[in-house]
PDB file of all heavy atoms in Angstrom:
ATOM      1  N   ARG A   1      68.075 -29.790-210.303  1.00  0.00           N
ATOM      2  CA  ARG A   1      67.707 -30.747-209.262  1.00  0.00           C
ATOM      3  C   ARG A   1      66.530 -30.189-208.487  1.00  0.00           C
ATOM      4  O   ARG A   1      66.480 -28.997-208.195  1.00  0.00           O
ATOM      5  CB  ARG A   1      68.873 -31.015-208.312  1.00  0.00           C
ATOM      6  CG  ARG A   1      70.000 -31.807-208.951  1.00  0.00           C
ATOM      7  CD  ARG A   1      70.921 -32.358-207.886  1.00  0.00           C
ATOM      8  NE  ARG A   1      72.000 -33.154-208.456  1.00  0.00           N
ATOM      9  CZ  ARG A   1      72.774 -33.970-207.759  1.00  0.00           C
ATOM     10  NH1 ARG A   1      72.576 -34.100-206.436  1.00  0.00           N
ATOM     11  NH2 ARG A   1      73.725 -34.662-208.321  1.00  0.00           N
ATOM     12  N   ALA A   2      65.599 -31.066-208.154  1.00  0.00           N
ATOM     13  CA  ALA A   2      64.418 -30.646-207.405  1.00  0.00           C
ATOM     14  C   ALA A   2      63.864 -31.821-206.622  1.00  0.00           C
ATOM     15  O   ALA A   2      64.044 -32.980-207.009  1.00  0.00           O
ATOM     16  CB  ALA A   2      63.356 -30.097-208.359  1.00  0.00           C
ATOM     17  N   SER A   3      63.208 -31.532-205.512  1.00  0.00           N
ATOM     18  CA  SER A   3      62.511 -32.560-204.740  1.00  0.00           C
ATOM     19  C   SER A   3      61.088 -32.681-205.267  1.00  0.00           C
ATOM     20  O   SER A   3      60.389 -31.677-205.417  1.00  0.00           O
ATOM     21  CB  SER A   3      62.501 -32.203-203.254  1.00  0.00           C
ATOM     22  OG  SER A   3      63.807 -32.242-202.730  1.00  0.00           O
ATOM     23  N   VAL A   4      60.676 -33.925-205.537  1.00  0.00           N
ATOM     24  CA  VAL A   4      59.367 -34.185-206.128  1.00  0.00           C
ATOM     25  C   VAL A   4      58.604 -35.151-205.228  1.00  0.00           C
ATOM     26  O   VAL A   4      59.164 -36.160-204.776  1.00  0.00           O
ATOM     27  CB  VAL A   4      59.526 -34.789-207.541  1.00  0.00           C
ATOM     28  CG1 VAL A   4      58.179 -35.168-208.130  1.00  0.00           C
ATOM     29  CG2 VAL A   4      60.242 -33.795-208.456  1.00  0.00           C
ATOM     30  N   PRO A   5      57.319 -34.877-204.944  1.00  0.00           N
ATOM     31  CA  PRO A   5      56.545 -35.776-204.087  1.00  0.00           C
ATOM     32  C   PRO A   5      56.240 -37.109-204.761  1.00  0.00           C
ATOM     33  O   PRO A   5      56.141 -37.194-205.988  1.00  0.00           O
ATOM     34  CB  PRO A   5      55.259 -34.990-203.810  1.00  0.00           C
ATOM     35  CG  PRO A   5      55.148 -34.032-204.942  1.00  0.00           C
ATOM     36  CD  PRO A   5      56.554 -33.682-205.332  1.00  0.00           C
ATOM     37  N   LEU A   6      56.087 -38.142-203.954  1.00  0.00           N
ATOM     38  CA  LEU A   6      55.685 -39.460-204.432  1.00  0.00           C
ATOM     39  C   LEU A   6      54.190 -39.647-204.187  1.00  0.00           C
ATOM     40  O   LEU A   6      53.695 -39.345-203.100  1.00  0.00           O
ATOM     41  CB  LEU A   6      56.460 -40.559-203.707  1.00  0.00           C
ATOM     42  CG  LEU A   6      57.979 -40.559-203.882  1.00  0.00           C
ATOM     43  CD1 LEU A   6      58.608 -41.636-203.001  1.00  0.00           C
ATOM     44  CD2 LEU A   6      58.364 -40.782-205.339  1.00  0.00           C
ATOM     45  N   HIS A   7      53.477 -40.154-205.199  1.00  0.00           N
ATOM     46  CA  HIS A   7      52.060 -40.484-205.058  1.00  0.00           C
ATOM     47  C   HIS A   7      51.926 -42.002-205.122  1.00  0.00           C
ATOM     48  O   HIS A   7      52.263 -42.622-206.136  1.00  0.00           O
ATOM     49  CB  HIS A   7      51.236 -39.834-206.174  1.00  0.00           C
ATOM     50  CG  HIS A   7      51.050 -38.359-205.985  1.00  0.00           C
ATOM     51  ND1 HIS A   7      50.190 -37.604-206.757  1.00  0.00           N
ATOM     52  CD2 HIS A   7      51.610 -37.496-205.089  1.00  0.00           C
ATOM     53  CE1 HIS A   7      50.227 -36.341-206.353  1.00  0.00           C
ATOM     54  NE2 HIS A   7      51.089 -36.251-205.363  1.00  0.00           N
ATOM     55  N   PHE A   8      51.442 -42.598-204.050  1.00  0.00           N
ATOM     56  CA  PHE A   8      51.332 -44.053-203.964  1.00  0.00           C
ATOM     57  C   PHE A   8      49.941 -44.491-204.429  1.00  0.00           C
ATOM     58  O   PHE A   8      48.924 -44.018-203.909  1.00  0.00           O
ATOM     59  CB  PHE A   8      51.597 -44.518-202.537  1.00  0.00           C
ATOM     60  CG  PHE A   8      52.973 -44.154-202.047  1.00  0.00           C
ATOM     61  CD1 PHE A   8      53.173 -43.026-201.259  1.00  0.00           C
ATOM     62  CD2 PHE A   8      54.075 -44.917-202.397  1.00  0.00           C
ATOM     63  CE1 PHE A   8      54.447 -42.676-200.815  1.00  0.00           C
ATOM     64  CE2 PHE A   8      55.342 -44.586-201.961  1.00  0.00           C
ATOM     65  CZ  PHE A   8      55.529 -43.462-201.167  1.00  0.00           C
ATOM     66  N   LEU A   9      49.930 -45.409-205.409  1.00  0.00           N
ATOM     67  CA  LEU A   9      48.673 -45.851-206.013  1.00  0.00           C
ATOM     68  C   LEU A   9      48.383 -47.316-205.675  1.00  0.00           C
ATOM     69  O   LEU A   9      49.300 -48.127-205.510  1.00  0.00           O
ATOM     70  CB  LEU A   9      48.745 -45.699-207.537  1.00  0.00           C
ATOM     71  CG  LEU A   9      49.129 -44.324-208.095  1.00  0.00           C
ATOM     72  CD1 LEU A   9      49.182 -44.382-209.618  1.00  0.00           C
ATOM     73  CD2 LEU A   9      48.157 -43.254-207.630  1.00  0.00           C
ATOM     74  N   ASN A  10      47.105 -47.628-205.579  1.00  0.00           N
ATOM     75  CA  ASN A  10      46.593 -49.009-205.501  1.00  0.00           C
ATOM     76  C   ASN A  10      47.056 -49.792-204.277  1.00  0.00           C
ATOM     77  O   ASN A  10      47.033 -51.028-204.288  1.00  0.00           O
ATOM     78  CB  ASN A  10      46.968 -49.788-206.777  1.00  0.00           C
ATOM     79  CG  ASN A  10      46.412 -49.141-208.023  1.00  0.00           C
ATOM     80  OD1 ASN A  10      45.256 -48.727-208.044  1.00  0.00           O
ATOM     81  ND2 ASN A  10      47.229 -49.049-209.058  1.00  0.00           N
ATOM     82  N   GLU A  11      47.459 -49.092-203.227  1.00  0.00           N
ATOM     83  CA  GLU A  11      47.886 -49.808-202.024  1.00  0.00           C
ATOM     84  C   GLU A  11      46.736 -50.650-201.449  1.00  0.00           C
ATOM     85  O   GLU A  11      46.941 -51.795-201.030  1.00  0.00           O
ATOM     86  CB  GLU A  11      48.386 -48.830-200.975  1.00  0.00           C
ATOM     87  CG  GLU A  11      48.836 -49.488-199.677  1.00  0.00           C
ATOM     88  CD  GLU A  11      49.377 -48.494-198.671  1.00  0.00           C
ATOM     89  OE1 GLU A  11      50.024 -47.502-199.090  1.00  0.00           O
ATOM     90  OE2 GLU A  11      49.148 -48.701-197.464  1.00  0.00           O
ATOM     91  N   ASP A  12      45.521 -50.074-201.441  1.00  0.00           N
ATOM     92  CA  ASP A  12      44.378 -50.790-200.853  1.00  0.00           C
ATOM     93  C   ASP A  12      43.945 -51.991-201.682  1.00  0.00           C
ATOM     94  O   ASP A  12      43.249 -52.873-201.186  1.00  0.00           O
ATOM     95  CB  ASP A  12      43.198 -49.836-200.677  1.00  0.00           C
ATOM     96  CG  ASP A  12      42.775 -49.166-201.980  1.00  0.00           C
ATOM     97  OD1 ASP A  12      43.611 -49.089-202.903  1.00  0.00           O
ATOM     98  OD2 ASP A  12      41.615 -48.724-202.081  1.00  0.00           O
ATOM     99  N   LYS A  13      44.395 -52.045-202.953  1.00  0.00           N
ATOM    100  CA  LYS A  13      44.036 -53.166-203.828  1.00  0.00           C
ATOM    101  C   LYS A  13      45.107 -54.258-203.836  1.00  0.00           C
ATOM    102  O   LYS A  13      44.905 -55.317-204.420  1.00  0.00           O
ATOM    103  CB  LYS A  13      43.814 -52.658-205.253  1.00  0.00           C
ATOM    104  CG  LYS A  13      42.690 -51.633-205.374  1.00  0.00           C
ATOM    105  CD  LYS A  13      42.575 -51.134-206.805  1.00  0.00           C
ATOM    106  CE  LYS A  13      41.487 -50.073-206.933  1.00  0.00           C
ATOM    107  NZ  LYS A  13      41.394 -49.529-208.310  1.00  0.00           N
ATOM    108  N   SER A  14      46.226 -53.995-203.221  1.00  0.00           N
ATOM    109  CA  SER A  14      47.344 -54.941-203.237  1.00  0.00           C
ATOM    110  C   SER A  14      47.128 -56.056-202.234  1.00  0.00           C
ATOM    111  O   SER A  14      46.351 -55.917-201.288  1.00  0.00           O
ATOM    112  CB  SER A  14      48.646 -54.208-202.915  1.00  0.00           C
ATOM    113  OG  SER A  14      48.636 -53.789-201.554  1.00  0.00           O
ATOM    114  N   PRO A  15      47.825 -57.202-202.398  1.00  0.00           N
ATOM    115  CA  PRO A  15      47.741 -58.277-201.412  1.00  0.00           C
ATOM    116  C   PRO A  15      48.099 -57.799-200.000  1.00  0.00           C
ATOM    117  O   PRO A  15      47.464 -58.195-199.021  1.00  0.00           O
ATOM    118  CB  PRO A  15      48.744 -59.306-201.924  1.00  0.00           C
ATOM    119  CG  PRO A  15      48.795 -59.077-203.405  1.00  0.00           C
ATOM    120  CD  PRO A  15      48.636 -57.597-203.571  1.00  0.00           C
ATOM    121  N   ALA A  16      49.108 -56.940-199.908  1.00  0.00           N
ATOM    122  CA  ALA A  16      49.512 -56.428-198.591  1.00  0.00           C
ATOM    123  C   ALA A  16      48.452 -55.484-198.036  1.00  0.00           C
ATOM    124  O   ALA A  16      48.128 -55.523-196.849  1.00  0.00           O
ATOM    125  CB  ALA A  16      50.853 -55.708-198.696  1.00  0.00           C
ATOM    126  N   GLY A  17      47.906 -54.637-198.882  1.00  0.00           N
ATOM    127  CA  GLY A  17      46.911 -53.671-198.437  1.00  0.00           C
ATOM    128  C   GLY A  17      45.602 -54.304-198.018  1.00  0.00           C
ATOM    129  O   GLY A  17      44.888 -53.767-197.163  1.00  0.00           O
ATOM    130  N   LYS A  18      45.271 -55.460-198.614  1.00  0.00           N
ATOM    131  CA  LYS A  18      44.013 -56.135-198.289  1.00  0.00           C
ATOM    132  C   LYS A  18      44.078 -56.914-196.983  1.00  0.00           C
ATOM    133  O   LYS A  18      43.054 -57.273-196.421  1.00  0.00           O
ATOM    134  CB  LYS A  18      43.636 -57.089-199.425  1.00  0.00           C
ATOM    135  CG  LYS A  18      43.200 -56.392-200.708  1.00  0.00           C
ATOM    136  CD  LYS A  18      42.865 -57.414-201.781  1.00  0.00           C
ATOM    137  CE  LYS A  18      42.414 -56.748-203.065  1.00  0.00           C
ATOM    138  NZ  LYS A  18      42.112 -57.742-204.126  1.00  0.00           N
ATOM    139  N   SER A  19      45.292 -57.181-196.527  1.00  0.00           N
ATOM    140  CA  SER A  19      45.456 -57.974-195.314  1.00  0.00           C
ATOM    141  C   SER A  19      45.521 -57.082-194.079  1.00  0.00           C
ATOM    142  O   SER A  19      46.338 -56.162-193.998  1.00  0.00           O
ATOM    143  CB  SER A  19      46.736 -58.816-195.401  1.00  0.00           C
ATOM    144  OG  SER A  19      46.970 -59.487-194.188  1.00  0.00           O
ATOM    145  N   ALA A  20      44.669 -57.375-193.114  1.00  0.00           N
ATOM    146  CA  ALA A  20      44.657 -56.599-191.876  1.00  0.00           C
ATOM    147  C   ALA A  20      45.890 -56.884-191.024  1.00  0.00           C
ATOM    148  O   ALA A  20      46.184 -56.138-190.089  1.00  0.00           O
ATOM    149  CB  ALA A  20      43.394 -56.912-191.082  1.00  0.00           C
ATOM    150  N   GLU A  21      46.595 -57.964-191.344  1.00  0.00           N
ATOM    151  CA  GLU A  21      47.756 -58.364-190.540  1.00  0.00           C
ATOM    152  C   GLU A  21      49.072 -57.811-191.087  1.00  0.00           C
ATOM    153  O   GLU A  21      50.127 -58.098-190.549  1.00  0.00           O
ATOM    154  CB  GLU A  21      47.831 -59.887-190.461  1.00  0.00           C
ATOM    155  CG  GLU A  21      46.616 -60.520-189.781  1.00  0.00           C
ATOM    156  CD  GLU A  21      46.716 -62.023-189.737  1.00  0.00           C
ATOM    157  OE1 GLU A  21      47.588 -62.579-190.431  1.00  0.00           O
ATOM    158  OE2 GLU A  21      45.925 -62.647-189.009  1.00  0.00           O
ATOM    159  N   VAL A  22      48.993 -57.041-192.163  1.00  0.00           N
ATOM    160  CA  VAL A  22      50.204 -56.504-192.787  1.00  0.00           C
ATOM    161  C   VAL A  22      50.270 -54.996-192.568  1.00  0.00           C
ATOM    162  O   VAL A  22      49.279 -54.281-192.752  1.00  0.00           O
ATOM    163  CB  VAL A  22      50.231 -56.815-194.301  1.00  0.00           C
ATOM    164  CG1 VAL A  22      51.463 -56.184-194.946  1.00  0.00           C
ATOM    165  CG2 VAL A  22      50.222 -58.315-194.534  1.00  0.00           C
ATOM    166  N   VAL A  23      51.445 -54.526-192.170  1.00  0.00           N
ATOM    167  CA  VAL A  23      51.681 -53.094-191.975  1.00  0.00           C
ATOM    168  C   VAL A  23      52.503 -52.579-193.145  1.00  0.00           C
ATOM    169  O   VAL A  23      53.600 -53.085-193.409  1.00  0.00           O
ATOM    170  CB  VAL A  23      52.427 -52.827-190.654  1.00  0.00           C
ATOM    171  CG1 VAL A  23      52.739 -51.337-190.502  1.00  0.00           C
ATOM    172  CG2 VAL A  23      51.616 -53.324-189.471  1.00  0.00           C
ATOM    173  N   VAL A  24      51.968 -51.593-193.862  1.00  0.00           N
ATOM    174  CA  VAL A  24      52.675 -50.985-194.991  1.00  0.00           C
ATOM    175  C   VAL A  24      53.166 -49.606-194.561  1.00  0.00           C
ATOM    176  O   VAL A  24      52.372 -48.756-194.149  1.00  0.00           O
ATOM    177  CB  VAL A  24      51.760 -50.851-196.220  1.00  0.00           C
ATOM    178  CG1 VAL A  24      52.513 -50.172-197.370  1.00  0.00           C
ATOM    179  CG2 VAL A  24      51.246 -52.218-196.660  1.00  0.00           C
ATOM    180  N   THR A  25      54.469 -49.398-194.645  1.00  0.00           N
ATOM    181  CA  THR A  25      55.045 -48.107-194.250  1.00  0.00           C
ATOM    182  C   THR A  25      55.684 -47.426-195.453  1.00  0.00           C
ATOM    183  O   THR A  25      56.351 -48.076-196.269  1.00  0.00           O
ATOM    184  CB  THR A  25      56.106 -48.279-193.149  1.00  0.00           C
ATOM    185  OG1 THR A  25      57.143 -49.160-193.608  1.00  0.00           O
ATOM    186  CG2 THR A  25      55.487 -48.845-191.885  1.00  0.00           C
ATOM    187  N   HIS A  26      55.477 -46.124-195.545  1.00  0.00           N
ATOM    188  CA  HIS A  26      56.104 -45.300-196.582  1.00  0.00           C
ATOM    189  C   HIS A  26      57.339 -44.648-195.971  1.00  0.00           C
ATOM    190  O   HIS A  26      57.222 -43.730-195.158  1.00  0.00           O
ATOM    191  CB  HIS A  26      55.130 -44.237-197.090  1.00  0.00           C
ATOM    192  CG  HIS A  26      53.885 -44.795-197.692  1.00  0.00           C
ATOM    193  ND1 HIS A  26      52.792 -44.026-198.030  1.00  0.00           N
ATOM    194  CD2 HIS A  26      53.547 -46.067-198.033  1.00  0.00           C
ATOM    195  CE1 HIS A  26      51.839 -44.786-198.531  1.00  0.00           C
ATOM    196  NE2 HIS A  26      52.278 -46.036-198.547  1.00  0.00           N
ATOM    197  N   GLU A  27      58.496 -45.134-196.335  1.00  0.00           N
ATOM    198  CA  GLU A  27      59.748 -44.628-195.767  1.00  0.00           C
ATOM    199  C   GLU A  27      60.114 -43.261-196.339  1.00  0.00           C
ATOM    200  O   GLU A  27      60.782 -42.464-195.683  1.00  0.00           O
ATOM    201  CB  GLU A  27      60.889 -45.614-196.027  1.00  0.00           C
ATOM    202  CG  GLU A  27      60.659 -47.005-195.445  1.00  0.00           C
ATOM    203  CD  GLU A  27      60.606 -46.989-193.937  1.00  0.00           C
ATOM    204  OE1 GLU A  27      61.504 -46.376-193.326  1.00  0.00           O
ATOM    205  OE2 GLU A  27      59.659 -47.559-193.362  1.00  0.00           O
ATOM    206  N   LEU A  28      59.705 -42.992-197.570  1.00  0.00           N
ATOM    207  CA  LEU A  28      59.953 -41.709-198.223  1.00  0.00           C
ATOM    208  C   LEU A  28      58.645 -41.178-198.793  1.00  0.00           C
ATOM    209  O   LEU A  28      57.819 -41.950-199.283  1.00  0.00           O
ATOM    210  CB  LEU A  28      60.971 -41.852-199.368  1.00  0.00           C
ATOM    211  CG  LEU A  28      62.390 -42.300-199.025  1.00  0.00           C
ATOM    212  CD1 LEU A  28      63.209 -42.425-200.297  1.00  0.00           C
ATOM    213  CD2 LEU A  28      63.056 -41.324-198.070  1.00  0.00           C
ATOM    214  N   ASN A  29      58.465 -39.871-198.733  1.00  0.00           N
ATOM    215  CA  ASN A  29      57.307 -39.234-199.347  1.00  0.00           C
ATOM    216  C   ASN A  29      57.692 -38.324-200.501  1.00  0.00           C
ATOM    217  O   ASN A  29      56.832 -37.804-201.214  1.00  0.00           O
ATOM    218  CB  ASN A  29      56.521 -38.426-198.304  1.00  0.00           C
ATOM    219  CG  ASN A  29      55.823 -39.326-197.307  1.00  0.00           C
ATOM    220  OD1 ASN A  29      55.126 -40.254-197.694  1.00  0.00           O
ATOM    221  ND2 ASN A  29      56.029 -39.067-196.025  1.00  0.00           N
ATOM    222  N   GLU A  30      59.009 -38.136-200.704  1.00  0.00           N
ATOM    223  CA  GLU A  30      59.501 -37.363-201.832  1.00  0.00           C
ATOM    224  C   GLU A  30      60.910 -37.833-202.172  1.00  0.00           C
ATOM    225  O   GLU A  30      61.583 -38.464-201.346  1.00  0.00           O
ATOM    226  CB  GLU A  30      59.505 -35.860-201.523  1.00  0.00           C
ATOM    227  CG  GLU A  30      60.445 -35.451-200.403  1.00  0.00           C
ATOM    228  CD  GLU A  30      60.449 -33.950-200.156  1.00  0.00           C
ATOM    229  OE1 GLU A  30      59.471 -33.280-200.529  1.00  0.00           O
ATOM    230  OE2 GLU A  30      61.456 -33.453-199.611  1.00  0.00           O
ATOM    231  N   VAL A  31      61.340 -37.547-203.386  1.00  0.00           N
ATOM    232  CA  VAL A  31      62.685 -37.908-203.825  1.00  0.00           C
ATOM    233  C   VAL A  31      63.299 -36.726-204.560  1.00  0.00           C
ATOM    234  O   VAL A  31      62.588 -35.896-205.129  1.00  0.00           O
ATOM    235  CB  VAL A  31      62.679 -39.138-204.758  1.00  0.00           C
ATOM    236  CG1 VAL A  31      62.296 -40.389-204.000  1.00  0.00           C
ATOM    237  CG2 VAL A  31      61.754 -38.928-205.948  1.00  0.00           C
TER     238      VAL A  31
END
C-alpha cells in the first residue's frame, strides 16, 4: 500500500474550467 499523488489534466480546456463563473475544487491531491 502506498499514497500516490493525483495529476489533474485538461481542467482549463473543460466546460467548467472555461467558465469564469464556475469554481473547481480538488478535494483530494493523493490517494
